[in-house]
Amino acid sequence: MLMVAKYPIGELGELKTEMELELPRGARVLAFAQQHGIYCVWAMVNPESPAECRRFVLAGTGHSLDAYAWDLRHIDTVLPHGGSLVLHFFECA
């Protein structure tokens, strides 16, 4: 059975540059956005699949991504504080 699942990861001040999420194997990450003050990741998943650890990076515009030796796949961009801050959410390939 496929479904879209939500994974809350925290408020703006709690977010980390690097994070890991346990997602069902084969999950397709769809979006990163804020809902009711909490940032979340939405993914299309089969909830019956075994979990696997997936790595993500959050970076502001102009921040270096050189420290990441792996390929990054862009998931989403969000504009908190009315656009005065721009954050880019990537998955580590």
PDB file of N, CA and C in Angstrom:
ATOM      1  N   MET A   1       0.844  -1.177   0.000  1.00  0.00           N
ATOM      2  CA  MET A   1       0.000   0.000   0.000  1.00  0.00           C
ATOM      3  C   MET A   1       0.888   1.238   0.000  1.00  0.00           C
ATOM      4  N   LEU A   2       0.657   2.137  -0.925  1.00  0.00           N
ATOM      5  CA  LEU A   2       1.379   3.407  -0.956  1.00  0.00           C
ATOM      6  C   LEU A   2       0.540   4.493  -0.311  1.00  0.00           C
ATOM      7  N   MET A   3       1.215   5.405   0.383  1.00  0.00           N
ATOM      8  CA  MET A   3       0.540   6.540   1.005  1.00  0.00           C
ATOM      9  C   MET A   3       1.536   7.676   1.131  1.00  0.00           C
ATOM     10  N   VAL A   4       1.034   8.892   1.336  1.00  0.00           N
ATOM     11  CA  VAL A   4       1.896  10.024   1.646  1.00  0.00           C
ATOM     12  C   VAL A   4       1.943  10.149   3.166  1.00  0.00           C
ATOM     13  N   ALA A   5       3.161  10.176   3.714  1.00  0.00           N
ATOM     14  CA  ALA A   5       3.361  10.290   5.154  1.00  0.00           C
ATOM     15  C   ALA A   5       4.110  11.582   5.463  1.00  0.00           C
ATOM     16  N   LYS A   6       3.845  12.120   6.644  1.00  0.00           N
ATOM     17  CA  LYS A   6       4.492  13.353   7.099  1.00  0.00           C
ATOM     18  C   LYS A   6       5.463  13.016   8.215  1.00  0.00           C
ATOM     19  N   TYR A   7       6.667  13.641   8.163  1.00  0.00           N
ATOM     20  CA  TYR A   7       7.711  13.433   9.159  1.00  0.00           C
ATOM     21  C   TYR A   7       8.124  14.793   9.735  1.00  0.00           C
ATOM     22  N   PRO A   8       7.591  15.176  10.894  1.00  0.00           N
ATOM     23  CA  PRO A   8       7.972  16.452  11.507  1.00  0.00           C
ATOM     24  C   PRO A   8       9.442  16.423  11.934  1.00  0.00           C
ATOM     25  N   ILE A   9      10.160  17.530  11.662  1.00  0.00           N
ATOM     26  CA  ILE A   9      11.571  17.575  12.047  1.00  0.00           C
ATOM     27  C   ILE A   9      11.905  18.746  12.964  1.00  0.00           C
ATOM     28  N   GLY A  10      10.972  19.650  13.219  1.00  0.00           N
ATOM     29  CA  GLY A  10      11.217  20.671  14.230  1.00  0.00           C
ATOM     30  C   GLY A  10      10.892  22.085  13.792  1.00  0.00           C
ATOM     31  N   GLU A  11      10.967  22.983  14.759  1.00  0.00           N
ATOM     32  CA  GLU A  11      10.762  24.408  14.499  1.00  0.00           C
ATOM     33  C   GLU A  11      12.029  24.996  13.888  1.00  0.00           C
ATOM     34  N   LEU A  12      11.933  26.190  13.341  1.00  0.00           N
ATOM     35  CA  LEU A  12      13.048  26.813  12.640  1.00  0.00           C
ATOM     36  C   LEU A  12      14.321  26.824  13.476  1.00  0.00           C
ATOM     37  N   GLY A  13      14.260  27.210  14.744  1.00  0.00           N
ATOM     38  CA  GLY A  13      15.440  27.281  15.592  1.00  0.00           C
ATOM     39  C   GLY A  13      16.026  25.930  15.973  1.00  0.00           C
ATOM     40  N   GLU A  14      15.280  24.854  15.730  1.00  0.00           N
ATOM     41  CA  GLU A  14      15.733  23.500  16.081  1.00  0.00           C
ATOM     42  C   GLU A  14      16.364  22.756  14.900  1.00  0.00           C
ATOM     43  N   LEU A  15      16.212  23.291  13.699  1.00  0.00           N
ATOM     44  CA  LEU A  15      16.700  22.587  12.514  1.00  0.00           C
ATOM     45  C   LEU A  15      18.216  22.564  12.484  1.00  0.00           C
ATOM     46  N   LYS A  16      18.769  21.459  12.017  1.00  0.00           N
ATOM     47  CA  LYS A  16      20.221  21.292  11.915  1.00  0.00           C
ATOM     48  C   LYS A  16      20.629  21.308  10.450  1.00  0.00           C
ATOM     49  N   THR A  17      21.888  21.601  10.215  1.00  0.00           N
ATOM     50  CA  THR A  17      22.405  21.595   8.844  1.00  0.00           C
ATOM     51  C   THR A  17      22.354  20.189   8.256  1.00  0.00           C
ATOM     52  N   GLU A  18      22.727  19.199   9.058  1.00  0.00           N
ATOM     53  CA  GLU A  18      22.684  17.810   8.617  1.00  0.00           C
ATOM     54  C   GLU A  18      21.696  17.056   9.486  1.00  0.00           C
ATOM     55  N   MET A  19      20.909  16.209   8.865  1.00  0.00           N
ATOM     56  CA  MET A  19      19.939  15.422   9.632  1.00  0.00           C
ATOM     57  C   MET A  19      19.733  14.064   8.990  1.00  0.00           C
ATOM     58  N   GLU A  20      19.299  13.125   9.805  1.00  0.00           N
ATOM     59  CA  GLU A  20      18.966  11.791   9.336  1.00  0.00           C
ATOM     60  C   GLU A  20      17.520  11.499   9.687  1.00  0.00           C
ATOM     61  N   LEU A  21      16.839  10.836   8.780  1.00  0.00           N
ATOM     62  CA  LEU A  21      15.456  10.421   9.014  1.00  0.00           C
ATOM     63  C   LEU A  21      15.333   8.936   8.721  1.00  0.00           C
ATOM     64  N   GLU A  22      14.568   8.259   9.543  1.00  0.00           N
ATOM     65  CA  GLU A  22      14.227   6.863   9.292  1.00  0.00           C
ATOM     66  C   GLU A  22      12.970   6.863   8.431  1.00  0.00           C
ATOM     67  N   LEU A  23      13.102   6.378   7.214  1.00  0.00           N
ATOM     68  CA  LEU A  23      11.980   6.308   6.278  1.00  0.00           C
ATOM     69  C   LEU A  23      11.850   4.876   5.790  1.00  0.00           C
ATOM     70  N   PRO A  24      10.652   4.469   5.396  1.00  0.00           N
ATOM     71  CA  PRO A  24      10.516   3.138   4.813  1.00  0.00           C
ATOM     72  C   PRO A  24      11.374   3.015   3.544  1.00  0.00           C
ATOM     73  N   ARG A  25      12.004   1.871   3.363  1.00  0.00           N
ATOM     74  CA  ARG A  25      12.843   1.646   2.186  1.00  0.00           C
ATOM     75  C   ARG A  25      12.058   1.970   0.916  1.00  0.00           C
ATOM     76  N   GLY A  26      12.694   2.694   0.012  1.00  0.00           N
ATOM     77  CA  GLY A  26      12.067   3.057  -1.254  1.00  0.00           C
ATOM     78  C   GLY A  26      11.210   4.311  -1.189  1.00  0.00           C
ATOM     79  N   ALA A  27      11.189   4.993  -0.037  1.00  0.00           N
ATOM     80  CA  ALA A  27      10.374   6.208   0.095  1.00  0.00           C
ATOM     81  C   ALA A  27      10.797   7.242  -0.938  1.00  0.00           C
ATOM     82  N   ARG A  28       9.832   7.919  -1.508  1.00  0.00           N
ATOM     83  CA  ARG A  28      10.096   9.013  -2.459  1.00  0.00           C
ATOM     84  C   ARG A  28       9.790  10.325  -1.759  1.00  0.00           C
ATOM     85  N   VAL A  29      10.830  11.089  -1.441  1.00  0.00           N
ATOM     86  CA  VAL A  29      10.642  12.356  -0.733  1.00  0.00           C
ATOM     87  C   VAL A  29      10.026  13.360  -1.695  1.00  0.00           C
ATOM     88  N   LEU A  30       8.917  13.966  -1.254  1.00  0.00           N
ATOM     89  CA  LEU A  30       8.144  14.861  -2.112  1.00  0.00           C
ATOM     90  C   LEU A  30       8.342  16.338  -1.801  1.00  0.00           C
ATOM     91  N   ALA A  31       8.418  16.685  -0.511  1.00  0.00           N
ATOM     92  CA  ALA A  31       8.436  18.102  -0.147  1.00  0.00           C
ATOM     93  C   ALA A  31       9.015  18.319   1.238  1.00  0.00           C
ATOM     94  N   PHE A  32       9.464  19.544   1.460  1.00  0.00           N
ATOM     95  CA  PHE A  32       9.926  20.040   2.752  1.00  0.00           C
ATOM     96  C   PHE A  32       9.256  21.391   2.926  1.00  0.00           C
ATOM     97  N   ALA A  33       8.500  21.555   3.999  1.00  0.00           N
ATOM     98  CA  ALA A  33       7.764  22.806   4.201  1.00  0.00           C
ATOM     99  C   ALA A  33       7.377  22.952   5.664  1.00  0.00           C
ATOM    100  N   GLN A  34       6.851  24.108   5.974  1.00  0.00           N
ATOM    101  CA  GLN A  34       6.392  24.406   7.335  1.00  0.00           C
ATOM    102  C   GLN A  34       4.868  24.228   7.399  1.00  0.00           C
ATOM    103  N   GLN A  35       4.426  23.595   8.475  1.00  0.00           N
ATOM    104  CA  GLN A  35       2.992  23.462   8.741  1.00  0.00           C
ATOM    105  C   GLN A  35       2.765  23.766  10.208  1.00  0.00           C
ATOM    106  N   HIS A  36       1.995  24.810  10.485  1.00  0.00           N
ATOM    107  CA  HIS A  36       1.688  25.216  11.860  1.00  0.00           C
ATOM    108  C   HIS A  36       2.953  25.431  12.696  1.00  0.00           C
ATOM    109  N   GLY A  37       3.987  26.043  12.085  1.00  0.00           N
ATOM    110  CA  GLY A  37       5.207  26.375  12.802  1.00  0.00           C
ATOM    111  C   GLY A  37       6.233  25.256  12.904  1.00  0.00           C
ATOM    112  N   ILE A  38       5.900  24.072  12.404  1.00  0.00           N
ATOM    113  CA  ILE A  38       6.811  22.926  12.454  1.00  0.00           C
ATOM    114  C   ILE A  38       7.224  22.567  11.030  1.00  0.00           C
ATOM    115  N   TYR A  39       8.536  22.406  10.823  1.00  0.00           N
ATOM    116  CA  TYR A  39       9.017  21.968   9.510  1.00  0.00           C
ATOM    117  C   TYR A  39       8.866  20.462   9.411  1.00  0.00           C
ATOM    118  N   CYS A  40       8.434  20.026   8.222  1.00  0.00           N
ATOM    119  CA  CYS A  40       8.134  18.612   7.989  1.00  0.00           C
ATOM    120  C   CYS A  40       8.658  18.190   6.629  1.00  0.00           C
ATOM    121  N   VAL A  41       8.852  16.893   6.497  1.00  0.00           N
ATOM    122  CA  VAL A  41       9.168  16.262   5.228  1.00  0.00           C
ATOM    123  C   VAL A  41       7.977  15.375   4.880  1.00  0.00           C
ATOM    124  N   TRP A  42       7.524  15.456   3.638  1.00  0.00           N
ATOM    125  CA  TRP A  42       6.464  14.577   3.161  1.00  0.00           C
ATOM    126  C   TRP A  42       7.067  13.613   2.157  1.00  0.00           C
ATOM    127  N   ALA A  43       6.675  12.350   2.257  1.00  0.00           N
ATOM    128  CA  ALA A  43       7.208  11.325   1.359  1.00  0.00           C
ATOM    129  C   ALA A  43       6.125  10.326   1.004  1.00  0.00           C
ATOM    130  N   MET A  44       6.204   9.814  -0.226  1.00  0.00           N
ATOM    131  CA  MET A  44       5.343   8.721  -0.642  1.00  0.00           C
ATOM    132  C   MET A  44       6.036   7.441  -0.189  1.00  0.00           C
ATOM    133  N   VAL A  45       5.345   6.658   0.630  1.00  0.00           N
ATOM    134  CA  VAL A  45       5.959   5.498   1.263  1.00  0.00           C
ATOM    135  C   VAL A  45       5.047   4.278   1.195  1.00  0.00           C
ATOM    136  N   ASN A  46       5.678   3.138   1.362  1.00  0.00           N
ATOM    137  CA  ASN A  46       4.957   1.910   1.669  1.00  0.00           C
ATOM    138  C   ASN A  46       5.252   1.672   3.147  1.00  0.00           C
ATOM    139  N   PRO A  47       4.291   1.924   4.037  1.00  0.00           N
ATOM    140  CA  PRO A  47       4.565   1.819   5.469  1.00  0.00           C
ATOM    141  C   PRO A  47       4.927   0.407   5.931  1.00  0.00           C
ATOM    142  N   GLU A  48       4.715  -0.582   5.074  1.00  0.00           N
ATOM    143  CA  GLU A  48       5.061  -1.956   5.432  1.00  0.00           C
ATOM    144  C   GLU A  48       6.517  -2.300   5.103  1.00  0.00           C
ATOM    145  N   SER A  49       7.215  -1.407   4.395  1.00  0.00           N
ATOM    146  CA  SER A  49       8.625  -1.648   4.058  1.00  0.00           C
ATOM    147  C   SER A  49       9.495  -1.429   5.284  1.00  0.00           C
ATOM    148  N   PRO A  50      10.607  -2.157   5.391  1.00  0.00           N
ATOM    149  CA  PRO A  50      11.517  -1.936   6.520  1.00  0.00           C
ATOM    150  C   PRO A  50      12.132  -0.537   6.447  1.00  0.00           C
ATOM    151  N   ALA A  51      12.455   0.010   7.595  1.00  0.00           N
ATOM    152  CA  ALA A  51      13.009   1.366   7.669  1.00  0.00           C
ATOM    153  C   ALA A  51      14.465   1.389   7.236  1.00  0.00           C
ATOM    154  N   GLU A  52      14.871   2.536   6.690  1.00  0.00           N
ATOM    155  CA  GLU A  52      16.268   2.777   6.376  1.00  0.00           C
ATOM    156  C   GLU A  52      16.592   4.223   6.734  1.00  0.00           C
ATOM    157  N   CYS A  53      17.850   4.478   7.034  1.00  0.00           N
ATOM    158  CA  CYS A  53      18.302   5.810   7.413  1.00  0.00           C
ATOM    159  C   CYS A  53      18.642   6.595   6.146  1.00  0.00           C
ATOM    160  N   ARG A  54      18.081   7.800   6.021  1.00  0.00           N
ATOM    161  CA  ARG A  54      18.356   8.680   4.886  1.00  0.00           C
ATOM    162  C   ARG A  54      18.936   9.973   5.422  1.00  0.00           C
ATOM    163  N   ARG A  55      19.901  10.553   4.693  1.00  0.00           N
ATOM    164  CA  ARG A  55      20.603  11.757   5.132  1.00  0.00           C
ATOM    165  C   ARG A  55      20.169  12.965   4.313  1.00  0.00           C
ATOM    166  N   PHE A  56      20.038  14.106   5.011  1.00  0.00           N
ATOM    167  CA  PHE A  56      19.585  15.343   4.392  1.00  0.00           C
ATOM    168  C   PHE A  56      20.463  16.498   4.847  1.00  0.00           C
ATOM    169  N   VAL A  57      20.521  17.540   4.015  1.00  0.00           N
ATOM    170  CA  VAL A  57      21.285  18.745   4.309  1.00  0.00           C
ATOM    171  C   VAL A  57      20.377  19.950   4.096  1.00  0.00           C
ATOM    172  N   LEU A  58      20.459  20.909   5.023  1.00  0.00           N
ATOM    173  CA  LEU A  58      19.709  22.160   4.934  1.00  0.00           C
ATOM    174  C   LEU A  58      20.728  23.288   4.868  1.00  0.00           C
ATOM    175  N   ALA A  59      20.639  24.126   3.837  1.00  0.00           N
ATOM    176  CA  ALA A  59      21.611  25.205   3.663  1.00  0.00           C
ATOM    177  C   ALA A  59      20.920  26.477   3.222  1.00  0.00           C
ATOM    178  N   GLY A  60      21.395  27.579   3.746  1.00  0.00           N
ATOM    179  CA  GLY A  60      20.901  28.877   3.319  1.00  0.00           C
ATOM    180  C   GLY A  60      21.547  29.293   2.013  1.00  0.00           C
ATOM    181  N   THR A  61      20.911  30.222   1.309  1.00  0.00           N
ATOM    182  CA  THR A  61      21.493  30.768   0.087  1.00  0.00           C
ATOM    183  C   THR A  61      22.851  31.383   0.413  1.00  0.00           C
ATOM    184  N   GLY A  62      23.841  31.071  -0.389  1.00  0.00           N
ATOM    185  CA  GLY A  62      25.188  31.590  -0.189  1.00  0.00           C
ATOM    186  C   GLY A  62      26.057  30.761   0.736  1.00  0.00           C
ATOM    187  N   HIS A  63      25.481  29.779   1.412  1.00  0.00           N
ATOM    188  CA  HIS A  63      26.265  28.909   2.302  1.00  0.00           C
ATOM    189  C   HIS A  63      26.990  27.853   1.472  1.00  0.00           C
ATOM    190  N   SER A  64      28.205  27.544   1.861  1.00  0.00           N
ATOM    191  CA  SER A  64      29.014  26.572   1.133  1.00  0.00           C
ATOM    192  C   SER A  64      28.472  25.153   1.314  1.00  0.00           C
ATOM    193  N   LEU A  65      28.491  24.412   0.238  1.00  0.00           N
ATOM    194  CA  LEU A  65      28.150  22.990   0.266  1.00  0.00           C
ATOM    195  C   LEU A  65      29.376  22.139  -0.044  1.00  0.00           C
ATOM    196  N   ASP A  66      30.565  22.767  -0.055  1.00  0.00           N
ATOM    197  CA  ASP A  66      31.807  22.075  -0.389  1.00  0.00           C
ATOM    198  C   ASP A  66      32.127  20.931   0.562  1.00  0.00           C
ATOM    199  N   ALA A  67      31.658  20.997   1.797  1.00  0.00           N
ATOM    200  CA  ALA A  67      31.993  19.973   2.793  1.00  0.00           C
ATOM    201  C   ALA A  67      31.357  18.627   2.486  1.00  0.00           C
ATOM    202  N   TYR A  68      30.447  18.596   1.533  1.00  0.00           N
ATOM    203  CA  TYR A  68      29.722  17.361   1.239  1.00  0.00           C
ATOM    204  C   TYR A  68      30.321  16.698   0.013  1.00  0.00           C
ATOM    205  N   ALA A  69      30.999  15.583   0.233  1.00  0.00           N
ATOM    206  CA  ALA A  69      31.680  14.886  -0.848  1.00  0.00           C
ATOM    207  C   ALA A  69      30.702  14.068  -1.696  1.00  0.00           C
ATOM    208  N   TRP A  70      29.491  13.937  -1.234  1.00  0.00           N
ATOM    209  CA  TRP A  70      28.500  13.150  -1.967  1.00  0.00           C
ATOM    210  C   TRP A  70      27.626  14.084  -2.809  1.00  0.00           C
ATOM    211  N   ASP A  71      26.905  13.496  -3.708  1.00  0.00           N
ATOM    212  CA  ASP A  71      25.979  14.271  -4.535  1.00  0.00           C
ATOM    213  C   ASP A  71      24.762  14.660  -3.710  1.00  0.00           C
ATOM    214  N   LEU A  72      24.242  15.839  -3.953  1.00  0.00           N
ATOM    215  CA  LEU A  72      23.047  16.321  -3.277  1.00  0.00           C
ATOM    216  C   LEU A  72      21.915  16.453  -4.294  1.00  0.00           C
ATOM    217  N   ARG A  73      20.731  16.015  -3.913  1.00  0.00           N
ATOM    218  CA  ARG A  73      19.547  16.150  -4.764  1.00  0.00           C
ATOM    219  C   ARG A  73      18.616  17.158  -4.104  1.00  0.00           C
ATOM    220  N   HIS A  74      18.299  18.235  -4.809  1.00  0.00           N
ATOM    221  CA  HIS A  74      17.443  19.275  -4.259  1.00  0.00           C
ATOM    222  C   HIS A  74      16.017  18.754  -4.087  1.00  0.00           C
ATOM    223  N   ILE A  75      15.463  18.948  -2.897  1.00  0.00           N
ATOM    224  CA  ILE A  75      14.093  18.534  -2.602  1.00  0.00           C
ATOM    225  C   ILE A  75      13.162  19.733  -2.662  1.00  0.00           C
ATOM    226  N   ASP A  76      13.527  20.806  -1.944  1.00  0.00           N
ATOM    227  CA  ASP A  76      12.626  21.953  -1.848  1.00  0.00           C
ATOM    228  C   ASP A  76      13.375  23.177  -1.341  1.00  0.00           C
ATOM    229  N   THR A  77      12.777  24.341  -1.536  1.00  0.00           N
ATOM    230  CA  THR A  77      13.274  25.607  -1.011  1.00  0.00           C
ATOM    231  C   THR A  77      12.132  26.274  -0.268  1.00  0.00           C
ATOM    232  N   VAL A  78      12.426  26.797   0.932  1.00  0.00           N
ATOM    233  CA  VAL A  78      11.414  27.484   1.732  1.00  0.00           C
ATOM    234  C   VAL A  78      11.905  28.888   2.052  1.00  0.00           C
ATOM    235  N   LEU A  79      10.952  29.792   2.275  1.00  0.00           N
ATOM    236  CA  LEU A  79      11.268  31.189   2.552  1.00  0.00           C
ATOM    237  C   LEU A  79      10.630  31.625   3.864  1.00  0.00           C
ATOM    238  N   PRO A  80      11.258  31.284   5.020  1.00  0.00           N
ATOM    239  CA  PRO A  80      10.702  31.719   6.298  1.00  0.00           C
ATOM    240  C   PRO A  80      10.839  33.231   6.471  1.00  0.00           C
ATOM    241  N   HIS A  81      10.154  33.747   7.462  1.00  0.00           N
ATOM    242  CA  HIS A  81      10.209  35.174   7.811  1.00  0.00           C
ATOM    243  C   HIS A  81       9.880  36.060   6.614  1.00  0.00           C
ATOM    244  N   GLY A  82       8.859  35.685   5.870  1.00  0.00           N
ATOM    245  CA  GLY A  82       8.422  36.497   4.740  1.00  0.00           C
ATOM    246  C   GLY A  82       9.437  36.595   3.620  1.00  0.00           C
ATOM    247  N   GLY A  83      10.357  35.661   3.551  1.00  0.00           N
ATOM    248  CA  GLY A  83      11.343  35.649   2.480  1.00  0.00           C
ATOM    249  C   GLY A  83      12.673  36.280   2.847  1.00  0.00           C
ATOM    250  N   SER A  84      12.809  36.758   4.074  1.00  0.00           N
ATOM    251  CA  SER A  84      14.090  37.347   4.467  1.00  0.00           C
ATOM    252  C   SER A  84      15.161  36.275   4.703  1.00  0.00           C
ATOM    253  N   LEU A  85      14.757  35.021   4.767  1.00  0.00           N
ATOM    254  CA  LEU A  85      15.661  33.882   4.885  1.00  0.00           C
ATOM    255  C   LEU A  85      15.237  32.876   3.819  1.00  0.00           C
ATOM    256  N   VAL A  86      16.218  32.305   3.119  1.00  0.00           N
ATOM    257  CA  VAL A  86      15.916  31.303   2.099  1.00  0.00           C
ATOM    258  C   VAL A  86      16.706  30.043   2.428  1.00  0.00           C
ATOM    259  N   LEU A  87      16.002  28.935   2.628  1.00  0.00           N
ATOM    260  CA  LEU A  87      16.619  27.658   2.997  1.00  0.00           C
ATOM    261  C   LEU A  87      16.376  26.628   1.903  1.00  0.00           C
ATOM    262  N   HIS A  88      17.428  25.872   1.577  1.00  0.00           N
ATOM    263  CA  HIS A  88      17.365  24.854   0.540  1.00  0.00           C
ATOM    264  C   HIS A  88      17.561  23.492   1.214  1.00  0.00           C
ATOM    265  N   PHE A  89      16.666  22.559   0.918  1.00  0.00           N
ATOM    266  CA  PHE A  89      16.665  21.224   1.516  1.00  0.00           C
ATOM    267  C   PHE A  89      17.098  20.204   0.466  1.00  0.00           C
ATOM    268  N   PHE A  90      18.163  19.447   0.772  1.00  0.00           N
ATOM    269  CA  PHE A  90      18.738  18.463  -0.139  1.00  0.00           C
ATOM    270  C   PHE A  90      18.753  17.087   0.495  1.00  0.00           C
ATOM    271  N   GLU A  91      18.672  16.058  -0.348  1.00  0.00           N
ATOM    272  CA  GLU A  91      18.937  14.701   0.117  1.00  0.00           C
ATOM    273  C   GLU A  91      20.306  14.291  -0.382  1.00  0.00           C
ATOM    274  N   CYS A  92      21.063  13.627   0.470  1.00  0.00           N
ATOM    275  CA  CYS A  92      22.385  13.120   0.113  1.00  0.00           C
ATOM    276  C   CYS A  92      22.194  11.832  -0.682  1.00  0.00           C
ATOM    277  N   ALA A  93      22.748  11.811  -1.882  1.00  0.00           N
ATOM    278  CA  ALA A  93      22.593  10.636  -2.757  1.00  0.00           C
ATOM    279  C   ALA A  93      23.558   9.533  -2.366  1.00  0.00           C
TER     280      ALA A  93
END
